[in-house]
PDB file of N, CA and C in Angstrom:
ATOM      1  N   MET A   1      15.224   0.374   6.762  1.00  0.00           N
ATOM      2  CA  MET A   1      14.146   0.342   7.711  1.00  0.00           C
ATOM      3  C   MET A   1      12.817   0.702   7.036  1.00  0.00           C
ATOM      4  N   PHE A   2      12.829   1.695   6.146  1.00  0.00           N
ATOM      5  CA  PHE A   2      11.596   2.075   5.470  1.00  0.00           C
ATOM      6  C   PHE A   2      11.153   0.998   4.490  1.00  0.00           C
ATOM      7  N   PHE A   3      12.110   0.301   3.890  1.00  0.00           N
ATOM      8  CA  PHE A   3      11.730  -0.770   2.980  1.00  0.00           C
ATOM      9  C   PHE A   3      11.160  -1.956   3.754  1.00  0.00           C
ATOM     10  N   ARG A   4      11.636  -2.174   4.973  1.00  0.00           N
ATOM     11  CA  ARG A   4      11.043  -3.230   5.808  1.00  0.00           C
ATOM     12  C   ARG A   4       9.587  -2.881   6.125  1.00  0.00           C
ATOM     13  N   TYR A   5       9.359  -1.627   6.492  1.00  0.00           N
ATOM     14  CA  TYR A   5       8.001  -1.172   6.769  1.00  0.00           C
ATOM     15  C   TYR A   5       7.131  -1.362   5.529  1.00  0.00           C
ATOM     16  N   PHE A   6       7.687  -1.054   4.370  1.00  0.00           N
ATOM     17  CA  PHE A   6       6.980  -1.214   3.104  1.00  0.00           C
ATOM     18  C   PHE A   6       6.583  -2.669   2.878  1.00  0.00           C
ATOM     19  N   VAL A   7       7.512  -3.579   3.080  1.00  0.00           N
ATOM     20  CA  VAL A   7       7.253  -5.008   2.846  1.00  0.00           C
ATOM     21  C   VAL A   7       6.263  -5.552   3.873  1.00  0.00           C
ATOM     22  N   VAL A   8       6.455  -5.196   5.138  1.00  0.00           N
ATOM     23  CA  VAL A   8       5.563  -5.693   6.189  1.00  0.00           C
ATOM     24  C   VAL A   8       4.149  -5.140   6.003  1.00  0.00           C
ATOM     25  N   ALA A   9       4.029  -3.868   5.660  1.00  0.00           N
ATOM     26  CA  ALA A   9       2.708  -3.277   5.446  1.00  0.00           C
ATOM     27  C   ALA A   9       1.997  -3.949   4.272  1.00  0.00           C
ATOM     28  N   ASN A  10       2.713  -4.241   3.205  1.00  0.00           N
ATOM     29  CA  ASN A  10       2.102  -4.935   2.073  1.00  0.00           C
ATOM     30  C   ASN A  10       1.712  -6.360   2.433  1.00  0.00           C
ATOM     31  N   ALA A  11       2.510  -7.028   3.258  1.00  0.00           N
ATOM     32  CA  ALA A  11       2.164  -8.383   3.696  1.00  0.00           C
ATOM     33  C   ALA A  11       0.918  -8.370   4.576  1.00  0.00           C
ATOM     34  N   ILE A  12       0.825  -7.392   5.474  1.00  0.00           N
ATOM     35  CA  ILE A  12      -0.358  -7.269   6.338  1.00  0.00           C
ATOM     36  C   ILE A  12      -1.596  -7.006   5.490  1.00  0.00           C
ATOM     37  N   ALA A  13      -1.492  -6.090   4.531  1.00  0.00           N
ATOM     38  CA  ALA A  13      -2.644  -5.762   3.682  1.00  0.00           C
ATOM     39  C   ALA A  13      -3.053  -6.961   2.824  1.00  0.00           C
ATOM     40  N   CYS A  14      -2.084  -7.710   2.357  1.00  0.00           N
ATOM     41  CA  CYS A  14      -2.397  -8.895   1.541  1.00  0.00           C
ATOM     42  C   CYS A  14      -3.109  -9.956   2.383  1.00  0.00           C
ATOM     43  N   ALA A  15      -2.597 -10.202   3.584  1.00  0.00           N
ATOM     44  CA  ALA A  15      -3.234 -11.186   4.459  1.00  0.00           C
ATOM     45  C   ALA A  15      -4.639 -10.736   4.850  1.00  0.00           C
ATOM     46  N   TYR A  16      -4.782  -9.451   5.149  1.00  0.00           N
ATOM     47  CA  TYR A  16      -6.102  -8.935   5.498  1.00  0.00           C
ATOM     48  C   TYR A  16      -7.071  -9.071   4.321  1.00  0.00           C
ATOM     49  N   ALA A  17      -6.603  -8.781   3.112  1.00  0.00           N
ATOM     50  CA  ALA A  17      -7.474  -8.874   1.935  1.00  0.00           C
ATOM     51  C   ALA A  17      -7.968 -10.309   1.751  1.00  0.00           C
ATOM     52  N   ALA A  18      -7.094 -11.283   1.976  1.00  0.00           N
ATOM     53  CA  ALA A  18      -7.502 -12.684   1.856  1.00  0.00           C
ATOM     54  C   ALA A  18      -8.535 -13.044   2.922  1.00  0.00           C
ATOM     55  N   ILE A  19      -8.315 -12.599   4.154  1.00  0.00           N
ATOM     56  CA  ILE A  19      -9.250 -12.899   5.240  1.00  0.00           C
ATOM     57  C   ILE A  19     -10.601 -12.226   5.000  1.00  0.00           C
ATOM     58  N   SER A  20     -10.575 -10.959   4.586  1.00  0.00           N
ATOM     59  CA  SER A  20     -11.843 -10.260   4.365  1.00  0.00           C
ATOM     60  C   SER A  20     -12.592 -10.844   3.168  1.00  0.00           C
ATOM     61  N   LEU A  21     -11.861 -11.326   2.176  1.00  0.00           N
ATOM     62  CA  LEU A  21     -12.520 -11.986   1.046  1.00  0.00           C
ATOM     63  C   LEU A  21     -13.233 -13.251   1.499  1.00  0.00           C
ATOM     64  N   LEU A  22     -12.582 -14.030   2.344  1.00  0.00           N
ATOM     65  CA  LEU A  22     -13.215 -15.248   2.862  1.00  0.00           C
ATOM     66  C   LEU A  22     -14.444 -14.914   3.711  1.00  0.00           C
ATOM     67  N   LEU A  23     -14.332 -13.879   4.541  1.00  0.00           N
ATOM     68  CA  LEU A  23     -15.486 -13.489   5.365  1.00  0.00           C
ATOM     69  C   LEU A  23     -16.633 -12.968   4.509  1.00  0.00           C
ATOM     70  N   THR A  24     -16.305 -12.251   3.445  1.00  0.00           N
ATOM     71  CA  THR A  24     -17.339 -11.721   2.553  1.00  0.00           C
ATOM     72  C   THR A  24     -18.023 -12.847   1.789  1.00  0.00           C
ATOM     73  N   LEU A  25     -17.235 -13.805   1.317  1.00  0.00           N
ATOM     74  CA  LEU A  25     -17.815 -14.929   0.579  1.00  0.00           C
ATOM     75  C   LEU A  25     -18.636 -15.837   1.484  1.00  0.00           C
ATOM     76  N   ALA A  26     -18.319 -15.848   2.791  1.00  0.00           N
ATOM     77  CA  ALA A  26     -19.075 -16.663   3.735  1.00  0.00           C
ATOM     78  C   ALA A  26     -20.455 -16.071   3.997  1.00  0.00           C
ATOM     79  N   GLY A  27     -20.641 -14.813   3.610  1.00  0.00           N
ATOM     80  CA  GLY A  27     -21.963 -14.203   3.737  1.00  0.00           C
ATOM     81  C   GLY A  27     -22.256 -13.601   5.090  1.00  0.00           C
ATOM     82  N   LYS A  28     -21.245 -13.212   5.806  1.00  0.00           N
ATOM     83  CA  LYS A  28     -21.440 -12.570   7.105  1.00  0.00           C
ATOM     84  C   LYS A  28     -21.902 -11.135   6.883  1.00  0.00           C
ATOM     85  N   LYS A  29     -23.212 -10.907   6.968  1.00  0.00           N
ATOM     86  CA  LYS A  29     -23.759  -9.587   6.657  1.00  0.00           C
ATOM     87  C   LYS A  29     -23.498  -8.572   7.762  1.00  0.00           C
ATOM     88  N   GLY A  30     -23.361  -9.002   8.985  1.00  0.00           N
ATOM     89  CA  GLY A  30     -23.126  -8.074  10.087  1.00  0.00           C
ATOM     90  C   GLY A  30     -21.731  -7.481  10.091  1.00  0.00           C
ATOM     91  N   LEU A  31     -20.847  -8.034   9.296  1.00  0.00           N
ATOM     92  CA  LEU A  31     -19.461  -7.573   9.289  1.00  0.00           C
ATOM     93  C   LEU A  31     -19.171  -6.539   8.203  1.00  0.00           C
ATOM     94  N   ARG A  32     -20.163  -6.153   7.431  1.00  0.00           N
ATOM     95  CA  ARG A  32     -19.903  -5.246   6.297  1.00  0.00           C
ATOM     96  C   ARG A  32     -19.272  -3.936   6.732  1.00  0.00           C
ATOM     97  N   VAL A  33     -19.825  -3.307   7.733  1.00  0.00           N
ATOM     98  CA  VAL A  33     -19.318  -2.008   8.182  1.00  0.00           C
ATOM     99  C   VAL A  33     -17.916  -2.168   8.777  1.00  0.00           C
ATOM    100  N   VAL A  34     -17.710  -3.231   9.533  1.00  0.00           N
ATOM    101  CA  VAL A  34     -16.390  -3.479  10.127  1.00  0.00           C
ATOM    102  C   VAL A  34     -15.348  -3.710   9.032  1.00  0.00           C
ATOM    103  N   ILE A  35     -15.709  -4.451   8.017  1.00  0.00           N
ATOM    104  CA  ILE A  35     -14.782  -4.708   6.913  1.00  0.00           C
ATOM    105  C   ILE A  35     -14.468  -3.418   6.168  1.00  0.00           C
ATOM    106  N   ILE A  36     -15.460  -2.573   5.967  1.00  0.00           N
ATOM    107  CA  ILE A  36     -15.219  -1.297   5.278  1.00  0.00           C
ATOM    108  C   ILE A  36     -14.265  -0.429   6.097  1.00  0.00           C
ATOM    109  N   ILE A  37     -14.433  -0.409   7.405  1.00  0.00           N
ATOM    110  CA  ILE A  37     -13.546   0.389   8.258  1.00  0.00           C
ATOM    111  C   ILE A  37     -12.125  -0.151   8.201  1.00  0.00           C
ATOM    112  N   PHE A  38     -11.970  -1.464   8.298  1.00  0.00           N
ATOM    113  CA  PHE A  38     -10.625  -2.037   8.216  1.00  0.00           C
ATOM    114  C   PHE A  38     -10.026  -1.885   6.820  1.00  0.00           C
ATOM    115  N   ASP A  39     -10.868  -1.886   5.803  1.00  0.00           N
ATOM    116  CA  ASP A  39     -10.370  -1.602   4.452  1.00  0.00           C
ATOM    117  C   ASP A  39      -9.753  -0.212   4.378  1.00  0.00           C
ATOM    118  N   LEU A  40     -10.396   0.753   5.002  1.00  0.00           N
ATOM    119  CA  LEU A  40      -9.846   2.113   5.027  1.00  0.00           C
ATOM    120  C   LEU A  40      -8.531   2.166   5.796  1.00  0.00           C
ATOM    121  N   VAL A  41      -8.422   1.392   6.871  1.00  0.00           N
ATOM    122  CA  VAL A  41      -7.168   1.323   7.615  1.00  0.00           C
ATOM    123  C   VAL A  41      -6.065   0.741   6.732  1.00  0.00           C
ATOM    124  N   MET A  42      -6.404  -0.280   5.950  1.00  0.00           N
ATOM    125  CA  MET A  42      -5.403  -0.884   5.057  1.00  0.00           C
ATOM    126  C   MET A  42      -4.981   0.089   3.961  1.00  0.00           C
ATOM    127  N   VAL A  43      -5.909   0.885   3.469  1.00  0.00           N
ATOM    128  CA  VAL A  43      -5.561   1.898   2.461  1.00  0.00           C
ATOM    129  C   VAL A  43      -4.578   2.897   3.057  1.00  0.00           C
ATOM    130  N   ALA A  44      -4.846   3.341   4.279  1.00  0.00           N
ATOM    131  CA  ALA A  44      -3.943   4.287   4.937  1.00  0.00           C
ATOM    132  C   ALA A  44      -2.569   3.655   5.170  1.00  0.00           C
ATOM    133  N   LEU A  45      -2.551   2.400   5.578  1.00  0.00           N
ATOM    134  CA  LEU A  45      -1.286   1.697   5.800  1.00  0.00           C
ATOM    135  C   LEU A  45      -0.491   1.570   4.505  1.00  0.00           C
ATOM    136  N   LEU A  46      -1.161   1.206   3.424  1.00  0.00           N
ATOM    137  CA  LEU A  46      -0.477   1.064   2.142  1.00  0.00           C
ATOM    138  C   LEU A  46       0.032   2.402   1.616  1.00  0.00           C
ATOM    139  N   HIS A  47      -0.769   3.443   1.769  1.00  0.00           N
ATOM    140  CA  HIS A  47      -0.328   4.768   1.314  1.00  0.00           C
ATOM    141  C   HIS A  47       0.875   5.256   2.121  1.00  0.00           C
ATOM    142  N   SER A  48       0.846   5.069   3.424  1.00  0.00           N
ATOM    143  CA  SER A  48       1.957   5.560   4.247  1.00  0.00           C
ATOM    144  C   SER A  48       3.239   4.774   3.973  1.00  0.00           C
ATOM    145  N   SER A  49       3.127   3.472   3.810  1.00  0.00           N
ATOM    146  CA  SER A  49       4.335   2.684   3.534  1.00  0.00           C
ATOM    147  C   SER A  49       4.874   2.986   2.142  1.00  0.00           C
ATOM    148  N   GLY A  50       3.993   3.173   1.185  1.00  0.00           N
ATOM    149  CA  GLY A  50       4.441   3.531  -0.163  1.00  0.00           C
ATOM    150  C   GLY A  50       5.104   4.901  -0.198  1.00  0.00           C
ATOM    151  N   GLY A  51       4.555   5.858   0.545  1.00  0.00           N
ATOM    152  CA  GLY A  51       5.154   7.183   0.615  1.00  0.00           C
ATOM    153  C   GLY A  51       6.515   7.171   1.277  1.00  0.00           C
ATOM    154  N   ALA A  52       6.647   6.391   2.351  1.00  0.00           N
ATOM    155  CA  ALA A  52       7.945   6.308   3.031  1.00  0.00           C
ATOM    156  C   ALA A  52       8.993   5.657   2.133  1.00  0.00           C
ATOM    157  N   ALA A  53       8.621   4.574   1.473  1.00  0.00           N
ATOM    158  CA  ALA A  53       9.565   3.901   0.578  1.00  0.00           C
ATOM    159  C   ALA A  53       9.901   4.781  -0.623  1.00  0.00           C
ATOM    160  N   LEU A  54       8.927   5.522  -1.121  1.00  0.00           N
ATOM    161  CA  LEU A  54       9.178   6.423  -2.244  1.00  0.00           C
ATOM    162  C   LEU A  54      10.136   7.544  -1.848  1.00  0.00           C
ATOM    163  N   ALA A  55       9.989   8.085  -0.641  1.00  0.00           N
ATOM    164  CA  ALA A  55      10.877   9.147  -0.172  1.00  0.00           C
ATOM    165  C   ALA A  55      12.321   8.650  -0.075  1.00  0.00           C
ATOM    166  N   VAL A  56      12.514   7.467   0.471  1.00  0.00           N
ATOM    167  CA  VAL A  56      13.859   6.910   0.577  1.00  0.00           C
ATOM    168  C   VAL A  56      14.401   6.558  -0.805  1.00  0.00           C
ATOM    169  N   GLY A  57      13.534   6.055  -1.674  1.00  0.00           N
ATOM    170  CA  GLY A  57      13.959   5.737  -3.034  1.00  0.00           C
ATOM    171  C   GLY A  57      14.395   6.972  -3.806  1.00  0.00           C
ATOM    172  N   LEU A  58      13.708   8.074  -3.617  1.00  0.00           N
ATOM    173  CA  LEU A  58      14.098   9.317  -4.280  1.00  0.00           C
ATOM    174  C   LEU A  58      15.426   9.838  -3.758  1.00  0.00           C
ATOM    175  N   LEU A  59      15.686   9.643  -2.472  1.00  0.00           N
ATOM    176  CA  LEU A  59      16.998  10.027  -1.939  1.00  0.00           C
ATOM    177  C   LEU A  59      18.106   9.195  -2.581  1.00  0.00           C
ATOM    178  N   GLY A  60      17.846   7.917  -2.776  1.00  0.00           N
ATOM    179  CA  GLY A  60      18.838   7.070  -3.435  1.00  0.00           C
ATOM    180  C   GLY A  60      19.020   7.420  -4.898  1.00  0.00           C
ATOM    181  N   TYR A  61      17.949   7.847  -5.533  1.00  0.00           N
ATOM    182  CA  TYR A  61      18.001   8.168  -6.964  1.00  0.00           C
ATOM    183  C   TYR A  61      18.650   9.522  -7.230  1.00  0.00           C
ATOM    184  N   GLU A  62      18.280  10.532  -6.432  1.00  0.00           N
ATOM    185  CA  GLU A  62      18.772  11.884  -6.680  1.00  0.00           C
ATOM    186  C   GLU A  62      19.845  12.339  -5.704  1.00  0.00           C
ATOM    187  N   GLY A  63      19.971  11.702  -4.546  1.00  0.00           N
ATOM    188  CA  GLY A  63      20.913  12.163  -3.542  1.00  0.00           C
ATOM    189  C   GLY A  63      20.384  13.416  -2.855  1.00  0.00           C
ATOM    190  N   ASN A  64      21.228  13.990  -1.988  1.00  0.00           N
ATOM    191  CA  ASN A  64      20.868  15.224  -1.292  1.00  0.00           C
ATOM    192  C   ASN A  64      22.140  16.040  -1.114  1.00  0.00           C
ATOM    193  N   SER A  65      22.224  17.131  -1.818  1.00  0.00           N
ATOM    194  CA  SER A  65      23.449  17.936  -1.784  1.00  0.00           C
ATOM    195  C   SER A  65      23.618  18.668  -0.458  1.00  0.00           C
ATOM    196  N   HIS A  66      22.554  18.913   0.285  1.00  0.00           N
ATOM    197  CA  HIS A  66      22.652  19.643   1.548  1.00  0.00           C
ATOM    198  C   HIS A  66      23.390  18.842   2.619  1.00  0.00           C
ATOM    199  N   VAL A  67      23.241  17.540   2.603  1.00  0.00           N
ATOM    200  CA  VAL A  67      23.907  16.695   3.602  1.00  0.00           C
ATOM    201  C   VAL A  67      24.998  15.831   2.974  1.00  0.00           C
ATOM    202  N   GLN A  68      25.332  16.136   1.733  1.00  0.00           N
ATOM    203  CA  GLN A  68      26.420  15.460   1.003  1.00  0.00           C
ATOM    204  C   GLN A  68      26.150  13.976   0.775  1.00  0.00           C
ATOM    205  N   TRP A  69      24.868  13.605   0.577  1.00  0.00           N
ATOM    206  CA  TRP A  69      24.543  12.238   0.201  1.00  0.00           C
ATOM    207  C   TRP A  69      24.599  12.145  -1.304  1.00  0.00           C
ATOM    208  N   LYS A  70      25.322  11.169  -1.774  1.00  0.00           N
ATOM    209  CA  LYS A  70      25.482  10.997  -3.211  1.00  0.00           C
ATOM    210  C   LYS A  70      24.404  10.055  -3.751  1.00  0.00           C
ATOM    211  N   LYS A  71      24.228  10.107  -5.055  1.00  0.00           N
ATOM    212  CA  LYS A  71      23.298   9.196  -5.713  1.00  0.00           C
ATOM    213  C   LYS A  71      23.855   7.774  -5.624  1.00  0.00           C
ATOM    214  N   VAL A  72      23.004   6.814  -5.300  1.00  0.00           N
ATOM    215  CA  VAL A  72      23.458   5.429  -5.218  1.00  0.00           C
ATOM    216  C   VAL A  72      22.855   4.559  -6.316  1.00  0.00           C
ATOM    217  N   CYS A  73      21.913   5.104  -7.068  1.00  0.00           N
ATOM    218  CA  CYS A  73      21.284   4.279  -8.105  1.00  0.00           C
ATOM    219  C   CYS A  73      22.221   4.035  -9.279  1.00  0.00           C
ATOM    220  N   GLY A  74      23.276   4.820  -9.420  1.00  0.00           N
ATOM    221  CA  GLY A  74      24.267   4.543 -10.451  1.00  0.00           C
ATOM    222  C   GLY A  74      25.040   3.273 -10.143  1.00  0.00           C
ATOM    223  N   VAL A  75      25.204   2.977  -8.853  1.00  0.00           N
ATOM    224  CA  VAL A  75      25.924   1.786  -8.421  1.00  0.00           C
ATOM    225  C   VAL A  75      24.979   0.588  -8.310  1.00  0.00           C
ATOM    226  N   PHE A  76      23.807   0.830  -7.759  1.00  0.00           N
ATOM    227  CA  PHE A  76      22.829  -0.238  -7.531  1.00  0.00           C
ATOM    228  C   PHE A  76      21.626  -0.058  -8.459  1.00  0.00           C
ATOM    229  N   GLY A  77      21.888   0.054  -9.734  1.00  0.00           N
ATOM    230  CA  GLY A  77      20.835   0.357 -10.709  1.00  0.00           C
ATOM    231  C   GLY A  77      19.731  -0.675 -10.763  1.00  0.00           C
ATOM    232  N   LYS A  78      20.107  -1.958 -10.749  1.00  0.00           N
ATOM    233  CA  LYS A  78      19.098  -3.013 -10.840  1.00  0.00           C
ATOM    234  C   LYS A  78      18.176  -2.988  -9.619  1.00  0.00           C
ATOM    235  N   PHE A  79      18.762  -2.809  -8.427  1.00  0.00           N
ATOM    236  CA  PHE A  79      17.954  -2.731  -7.212  1.00  0.00           C
ATOM    237  C   PHE A  79      17.017  -1.530  -7.257  1.00  0.00           C
ATOM    238  N   CYS A  80      17.524  -0.398  -7.686  1.00  0.00           N
ATOM    239  CA  CYS A  80      16.696   0.815  -7.742  1.00  0.00           C
ATOM    240  C   CYS A  80      15.539   0.650  -8.723  1.00  0.00           C
ATOM    241  N   ASN A  81      15.797   0.015  -9.853  1.00  0.00           N
ATOM    242  CA  ASN A  81      14.725  -0.220 -10.826  1.00  0.00           C
ATOM    243  C   ASN A  81      13.666  -1.150 -10.261  1.00  0.00           C
ATOM    244  N   GLN A  82      14.098  -2.222  -9.604  1.00  0.00           N
ATOM    245  CA  GLN A  82      13.144  -3.161  -9.021  1.00  0.00           C
ATOM    246  C   GLN A  82      12.355  -2.519  -7.883  1.00  0.00           C
ATOM    247  N   ALA A  83      13.031  -1.699  -7.063  1.00  0.00           N
ATOM    248  CA  ALA A  83      12.337  -1.011  -5.973  1.00  0.00           C
ATOM    249  C   ALA A  83      11.326  -0.020  -6.528  1.00  0.00           C
ATOM    250  N   ALA A  84      11.679   0.695  -7.580  1.00  0.00           N
ATOM    251  CA  ALA A  84      10.751   1.659  -8.174  1.00  0.00           C
ATOM    252  C   ALA A  84       9.523   0.958  -8.737  1.00  0.00           C
ATOM    253  N   ILE A  85       9.710  -0.169  -9.386  1.00  0.00           N
ATOM    254  CA  ILE A  85       8.577  -0.928  -9.917  1.00  0.00           C
ATOM    255  C   ILE A  85       7.695  -1.435  -8.777  1.00  0.00           C
ATOM    256  N   GLY A  86       8.319  -1.949  -7.717  1.00  0.00           N
ATOM    257  CA  GLY A  86       7.555  -2.442  -6.566  1.00  0.00           C
ATOM    258  C   GLY A  86       6.756  -1.349  -5.886  1.00  0.00           C
ATOM    259  N   ILE A  87       7.380  -0.193  -5.713  1.00  0.00           N
ATOM    260  CA  ILE A  87       6.689   0.927  -5.075  1.00  0.00           C
ATOM    261  C   ILE A  87       5.540   1.412  -5.958  1.00  0.00           C
ATOM    262  N   GLY A  88       5.787   1.509  -7.253  1.00  0.00           N
ATOM    263  CA  GLY A  88       4.732   1.937  -8.172  1.00  0.00           C
ATOM    264  C   GLY A  88       3.552   0.990  -8.180  1.00  0.00           C
ATOM    265  N   LEU A  89       3.830  -0.314  -8.222  1.00  0.00           N
ATOM    266  CA  LEU A  89       2.741  -1.291  -8.202  1.00  0.00           C
ATOM    267  C   LEU A  89       1.986  -1.278  -6.877  1.00  0.00           C
ATOM    268  N   SER A  90       2.711  -1.069  -5.785  1.00  0.00           N
ATOM    269  CA  SER A  90       2.052  -1.004  -4.484  1.00  0.00           C
ATOM    270  C   SER A  90       1.137   0.217  -4.390  1.00  0.00           C
ATOM    271  N   LEU A  91       1.598   1.352  -4.879  1.00  0.00           N
ATOM    272  CA  LEU A  91       0.750   2.545  -4.847  1.00  0.00           C
ATOM    273  C   LEU A  91      -0.458   2.383  -5.772  1.00  0.00           C
ATOM    274  N   LEU A  92      -0.272   1.733  -6.904  1.00  0.00           N
ATOM    275  CA  LEU A  92      -1.406   1.434  -7.781  1.00  0.00           C
ATOM    276  C   LEU A  92      -2.391   0.512  -7.080  1.00  0.00           C
ATOM    277  N   GLY A  93      -1.869  -0.497  -6.391  1.00  0.00           N
ATOM    278  CA  GLY A  93      -2.726  -1.403  -5.638  1.00  0.00           C
ATOM    279  C   GLY A  93      -3.482  -0.712  -4.532  1.00  0.00           C
ATOM    280  N   SER A  94      -2.836   0.240  -3.858  1.00  0.00           N
ATOM    281  CA  SER A  94      -3.529   0.962  -2.790  1.00  0.00           C
ATOM    282  C   SER A  94      -4.630   1.858  -3.358  1.00  0.00           C
ATOM    283  N   LEU A  95      -4.410   2.416  -4.539  1.00  0.00           N
ATOM    284  CA  LEU A  95      -5.469   3.197  -5.182  1.00  0.00           C
ATOM    285  C   LEU A  95      -6.649   2.312  -5.577  1.00  0.00           C
ATOM    286  N   LEU A  96      -6.352   1.124  -6.087  1.00  0.00           N
ATOM    287  CA  LEU A  96      -7.426   0.184  -6.428  1.00  0.00           C
ATOM    288  C   LEU A  96      -8.172  -0.277  -5.170  1.00  0.00           C
ATOM    289  N   PHE A  97      -7.432  -0.482  -4.093  1.00  0.00           N
ATOM    290  CA  PHE A  97      -8.044  -0.847  -2.820  1.00  0.00           C
ATOM    291  C   PHE A  97      -8.993   0.267  -2.380  1.00  0.00           C
ATOM    292  N   PHE A  98      -8.580   1.520  -2.544  1.00  0.00           N
ATOM    293  CA  PHE A  98      -9.427   2.655  -2.196  1.00  0.00           C
ATOM    294  C   PHE A  98     -10.695   2.681  -3.040  1.00  0.00           C
ATOM    295  N   LEU A  99     -10.565   2.401  -4.338  1.00  0.00           N
ATOM    296  CA  LEU A  99     -11.743   2.344  -5.205  1.00  0.00           C
ATOM    297  C   LEU A  99     -12.696   1.226  -4.775  1.00  0.00           C
ATOM    298  N   LEU A 100     -12.141   0.100  -4.338  1.00  0.00           N
ATOM    299  CA  LEU A 100     -12.987  -0.985  -3.834  1.00  0.00           C
ATOM    300  C   LEU A 100     -13.729  -0.570  -2.572  1.00  0.00           C
ATOM    301  N   VAL A 101     -13.086   0.204  -1.722  1.00  0.00           N
ATOM    302  CA  VAL A 101     -13.749   0.704  -0.515  1.00  0.00           C
ATOM    303  C   VAL A 101     -14.915   1.616  -0.898  1.00  0.00           C
ATOM    304  N   ILE A 102     -14.691   2.481  -1.880  1.00  0.00           N
ATOM    305  CA  ILE A 102     -15.761   3.369  -2.339  1.00  0.00           C
ATOM    306  C   ILE A 102     -16.925   2.557  -2.895  1.00  0.00           C
ATOM    307  N   LEU A 103     -16.627   1.558  -3.718  1.00  0.00           N
ATOM    308  CA  LEU A 103     -17.689   0.719  -4.289  1.00  0.00           C
ATOM    309  C   LEU A 103     -18.438  -0.048  -3.203  1.00  0.00           C
ATOM    310  N   ALA A 104     -17.720  -0.584  -2.219  1.00  0.00           N
ATOM    311  CA  ALA A 104     -18.369  -1.319  -1.139  1.00  0.00           C
ATOM    312  C   ALA A 104     -19.247  -0.396  -0.313  1.00  0.00           C
ATOM    313  N   THR A 105     -18.786   0.821  -0.072  1.00  0.00           N
ATOM    314  CA  THR A 105     -19.577   1.775   0.688  1.00  0.00           C
ATOM    315  C   THR A 105     -20.845   2.167  -0.060  1.00  0.00           C
ATOM    316  N   LEU A 106     -20.728   2.417  -1.347  1.00  0.00           N
ATOM    317  CA  LEU A 106     -21.904   2.743  -2.140  1.00  0.00           C
ATOM    318  C   LEU A 106     -22.886   1.587  -2.199  1.00  0.00           C
ATOM    319  N   HIS A 107     -22.356   0.378  -2.344  1.00  0.00           N
ATOM    320  CA  HIS A 107     -23.223  -0.811  -2.380  1.00  0.00           C
ATOM    321  C   HIS A 107     -23.928  -0.988  -1.034  1.00  0.00           C
ATOM    322  N   HIS A 108     -23.216  -0.782   0.050  1.00  0.00           N
ATOM    323  CA  HIS A 108     -23.813  -0.901   1.384  1.00  0.00           C
ATOM    324  C   HIS A 108     -24.873   0.184   1.600  1.00  0.00           C
ATOM    325  N   HIS A 109     -24.606   1.379   1.110  1.00  0.00           N
ATOM    326  CA  HIS A 109     -25.551   2.487   1.261  1.00  0.00           C
ATOM    327  C   HIS A 109     -26.831   2.236   0.459  1.00  0.00           C
ATOM    328  N   LYS A 110     -26.715   1.650  -0.731  1.00  0.00           N
ATOM    329  CA  LYS A 110     -27.894   1.373  -1.546  1.00  0.00           C
ATOM    330  C   LYS A 110     -28.764   0.289  -0.924  1.00  0.00           C
ATOM    331  N   LYS A 111     -28.144  -0.690  -0.258  1.00  0.00           N
ATOM    332  CA  LYS A 111     -28.923  -1.770   0.351  1.00  0.00           C
ATOM    333  C   LYS A 111     -29.672  -1.294   1.580  1.00  0.00           C
ATOM    334  N   ASN A 112     -29.136  -0.274   2.245  1.00  0.00           N
ATOM    335  CA  ASN A 112     -29.817   0.243   3.446  1.00  0.00           C
ATOM    336  C   ASN A 112     -30.637   1.401   3.023  1.00  0.00           C
TER     337      ASN A 112
END
C-alpha cells in the first residue's frame, strides 16, 4: 500500500511538473504565485511518499524483532535493491524540486 502511494505520488508530481512547465513556457505571468504554491505542495507530497516508502523498505531490510517480523530482503534481494534505488532517486528529485521552488521564489521576489 505504501509503495502504491509512492508510485501514485511520483506520477502526480511528474504530470504536474509537465503541466507547470507548459504554463511557464506559455508566459502566463499571473500564474507565478499559484505555480509556486503548487510546487510546494508537490514537494510535500514527494517527501511524504518517499518517507513512507523508506519506512516500509527499512522494515523489509532490517525486520522488527518486537513483532517477530523477519528480514525479507535476503529472499527478495533484487526487489529490495531496485526499491532502494527508486526511493533514493525520488528523494533526490524532491530535494531538487525544493531547490527549484526556492529559485523561482527568489526570481519572483527580485522582479517585484
